[in-house]
Amino acid sequence: MDQEQTYKNLKAFRDAVVKQARTNLTKSGKNASGKLYRSIGGTVKAMPNSIGMYFEMEEYGAYQDKGVNGKRSAWTTAYKFGTKMPPPSKLDKWIVRRGIAPRDAQGKLMPRKTLQFLIARSIYINGIKPSLFFTKAVDSAYKKLPDELIKSYGLDVNKIVNQALKETIDKAKKK
């Protein structure tokens, strides 16, 4: 298979992954602000002796995809909370977007700071269930790649997903 055809196939693979990941994210209900949706992208670079492919998204996309173990959960994931729970203040806009406004027994609205704390504590204890929105997109697109391309480049879907998520987190930590 020539490099030009390989490049075209990998661009089609990238486009299929991005499109399906965005669809999966929307279906999973994890697209509250649209920020993660808009950040999903990819690049295929042709160099003289090789072709590289890179995926990118917001750092928290890796955690939404693979999940995060809480104190009482046991997802099959490498991510877990340390000794600190997520910052409650980071949940404020999410709570507003979701329209979460519980009332107490007297019918009064619960203070938002209390709600932020309770949700953050629940996430810390129960973790974040894996949605696999990105992993499933890669798996689906991988199955449609020509066999010749897979054999000639020794593509491994697990390596593609794990490398893409690792690079996303590494890039975010450097900021």
Protein backbone atom coordinates (compact mmCIF):
# COMPACT_ATOMS: atom_id res chain seq x y z
CA MET A 1 0.00 0.00 0.00
CA ASP A 2 1.49 3.35 -0.97
CA GLN A 3 1.95 6.20 1.49
CA GLU A 4 -0.63 8.44 -0.16
CA GLN A 5 -3.35 5.79 0.14
CA THR A 6 -2.29 5.08 3.72
CA TYR A 7 -2.53 8.79 4.49
CA LYS A 8 -6.06 8.93 3.02
CA ASN A 9 -7.14 5.85 5.00
CA LEU A 10 -5.77 7.28 8.24
CA LYS A 11 -7.50 10.63 7.63
CA ALA A 12 -10.78 8.77 7.07
CA PHE A 13 -10.09 6.77 10.27
CA ARG A 14 -9.44 10.01 12.19
CA ASP A 15 -12.61 11.64 10.87
CA ALA A 16 -14.70 8.57 11.72
CA VAL A 17 -13.28 8.44 15.26
CA VAL A 18 -13.93 12.14 15.90
CA LYS A 19 -17.48 11.98 14.51
CA GLN A 20 -18.39 8.82 16.42
CA ALA A 21 -16.76 10.01 19.66
CA ARG A 22 -18.82 13.21 19.51
CA THR A 23 -21.99 11.21 18.84
CA ASN A 24 -21.22 8.80 21.69
CA LEU A 25 -20.48 11.69 24.05
CA THR A 26 -23.81 13.33 23.26
CA LYS A 27 -25.70 10.04 23.70
CA SER A 28 -23.96 9.38 27.03
CA GLY A 29 -25.35 12.60 28.50
CA LYS A 30 -21.85 13.85 29.37
CA ASN A 31 -21.97 16.86 27.04
CA ALA A 32 -23.34 19.49 29.44
CA SER A 33 -21.35 22.52 28.26
CA GLY A 34 -20.22 21.29 24.84
CA LYS A 35 -16.60 22.11 25.71
CA LEU A 36 -15.43 18.49 25.57
CA TYR A 37 -17.42 17.90 22.36
CA ARG A 38 -15.75 20.85 20.64
CA SER A 39 -12.28 19.85 21.85
CA ILE A 40 -12.30 16.38 20.26
CA GLY A 41 -10.04 16.41 17.22
CA GLY A 42 -7.19 14.68 15.50
CA THR A 43 -4.23 15.20 13.22
CA VAL A 44 -2.61 12.99 10.63
CA LYS A 45 0.92 14.08 9.72
CA ALA A 46 2.84 12.72 6.77
CA MET A 47 6.61 12.80 7.14
CA PRO A 48 9.23 11.55 4.65
CA ASN A 49 9.53 8.09 6.21
CA SER A 50 6.47 7.79 8.40
CA ILE A 51 2.93 8.90 9.12
CA GLY A 52 1.77 9.97 12.58
CA MET A 53 -1.74 10.25 13.95
CA TYR A 54 -2.72 12.17 17.08
CA PHE A 55 -6.01 12.67 18.86
CA GLU A 56 -6.76 15.49 21.26
CA MET A 57 -9.48 16.56 23.68
CA GLU A 58 -9.87 18.27 27.03
CA GLU A 59 -8.02 16.46 29.81
CA TYR A 60 -11.20 15.48 31.62
CA GLY A 61 -12.31 13.62 28.48
CA ALA A 62 -9.86 10.84 29.37
CA TYR A 63 -11.48 10.51 32.79
CA GLN A 64 -14.98 10.54 31.30
CA ASP A 65 -13.97 7.85 28.80
CA LYS A 66 -12.07 5.46 31.07
CA GLY A 67 -13.80 6.38 34.35
CA VAL A 68 -12.28 7.10 37.74
CA ASN A 69 -12.27 4.80 40.74
CA GLY A 70 -13.81 6.27 43.86
CA LYS A 71 -13.36 5.00 47.37
CA ARG A 72 -16.16 2.44 46.92
CA SER A 73 -16.10 1.73 43.18
CA ALA A 74 -13.98 -0.69 41.23
CA TRP A 75 -14.05 0.24 37.56
CA THR A 76 -11.35 -1.29 35.43
CA THR A 77 -9.36 1.91 35.10
CA ALA A 78 -5.95 3.32 35.87
CA TYR A 79 -7.45 6.52 37.25
CA LYS A 80 -8.42 7.03 40.88
CA PHE A 81 -8.87 9.84 43.34
CA GLY A 82 -5.98 10.40 45.73
CA THR A 83 -6.64 11.89 49.13
CA LYS A 84 -8.60 14.88 47.83
CA MET A 85 -12.08 15.01 46.38
CA PRO A 86 -12.86 17.08 43.29
CA PRO A 87 -13.13 20.82 44.01
CA PRO A 88 -16.82 21.53 44.72
CA SER A 89 -16.61 24.98 43.11
CA LYS A 90 -15.86 23.36 39.73
CA LEU A 91 -19.36 21.86 39.77
CA ASP A 92 -21.22 25.19 39.97
CA LYS A 93 -21.79 25.79 36.25
CA TRP A 94 -22.55 22.11 35.69
CA ILE A 95 -25.26 22.22 38.39
CA VAL A 96 -26.82 25.31 36.79
CA ARG A 97 -26.70 23.79 33.25
CA ARG A 98 -28.35 20.62 34.52
CA GLY A 99 -31.04 22.57 36.34
CA ILE A 100 -30.37 20.79 39.63
CA ALA A 101 -32.18 22.65 42.38
CA PRO A 102 -33.36 20.32 45.15
CA ARG A 103 -35.59 21.54 47.96
CA ASP A 104 -35.59 20.65 51.63
CA ALA A 105 -38.61 19.36 53.61
CA GLN A 106 -39.99 22.91 53.99
CA GLY A 107 -39.76 23.51 50.24
CA LYS A 108 -36.78 25.89 50.42
CA LEU A 109 -34.06 25.63 47.80
CA MET A 110 -30.88 23.95 49.06
CA PRO A 111 -27.89 26.35 49.11
CA ARG A 112 -25.75 25.82 46.01
CA LYS A 113 -22.52 25.48 48.02
CA THR A 114 -24.09 22.62 49.97
CA LEU A 115 -25.17 20.97 46.74
CA GLN A 116 -21.68 21.40 45.25
CA PHE A 117 -20.12 19.75 48.29
CA LEU A 118 -22.58 16.83 48.29
CA ILE A 119 -22.06 16.10 44.60
CA ALA A 120 -18.25 16.39 44.88
CA ARG A 121 -18.29 14.01 47.85
CA SER A 122 -20.47 11.55 45.95
CA ILE A 123 -18.07 11.62 42.99
CA TYR A 124 -15.12 11.11 45.37
CA ILE A 125 -16.77 8.13 47.05
CA ASN A 126 -18.49 6.51 44.04
CA GLY A 127 -16.12 7.52 41.25
CA ILE A 128 -17.00 8.22 37.64
CA LYS A 129 -18.41 5.33 35.63
CA PRO A 130 -16.56 4.76 32.34
CA SER A 131 -18.56 5.98 29.34
CA LEU A 132 -16.08 4.65 26.73
CA PHE A 133 -17.29 7.33 24.30
CA PHE A 134 -13.81 7.59 22.75
CA THR A 135 -12.73 3.95 23.13
CA LYS A 136 -15.85 2.67 21.36
CA ALA A 137 -15.37 5.20 18.55
CA VAL A 138 -11.81 3.97 17.96
CA ASP A 139 -12.93 0.32 18.08
CA SER A 140 -15.69 0.98 15.55
CA ALA A 141 -13.46 2.88 13.11
CA TYR A 142 -10.65 0.34 13.53
CA LYS A 143 -12.91 -2.47 12.33
CA LYS A 144 -13.45 -0.56 9.08
CA LEU A 145 -9.76 -0.04 8.31
CA PRO A 146 -8.47 -2.06 5.37
CA ASP A 147 -6.78 -5.30 6.51
CA GLU A 148 -3.75 -4.46 4.41
CA LEU A 149 -3.23 -1.22 6.35
CA ILE A 150 -3.58 -2.94 9.72
CA LYS A 151 -1.08 -5.66 8.79
CA SER A 152 1.47 -3.36 7.19
CA TYR A 153 1.52 -0.91 10.07
CA GLY A 154 0.82 -3.34 12.89
CA LEU A 155 -1.92 -1.10 14.27
CA ASP A 156 -3.22 -2.03 17.70
CA VAL A 157 -6.47 -0.41 18.79
CA ASN A 158 -5.61 -0.55 22.51
CA LYS A 159 -2.32 1.22 21.91
CA ILE A 160 -4.07 3.91 19.87
CA VAL A 161 -6.66 4.62 22.59
CA ASN A 162 -4.25 4.51 25.52
CA GLN A 163 -1.64 6.65 23.76
CA ALA A 164 -4.23 9.25 22.76
CA LEU A 165 -5.61 9.50 26.30
CA LYS A 166 -2.13 9.61 27.85
CA GLU A 167 -1.03 12.40 25.50
CA THR A 168 -4.21 14.36 26.32
CA ILE A 169 -3.46 14.21 30.04
CA ASP A 170 0.25 14.93 29.61
CA LYS A 171 -0.47 17.95 27.41
CA ALA A 172 -2.98 19.30 29.93
CA LYS A 173 -0.56 18.89 32.84
CA LYS A 174 2.10 20.92 31.00
CA LYS A 175 -0.25 23.92 30.76
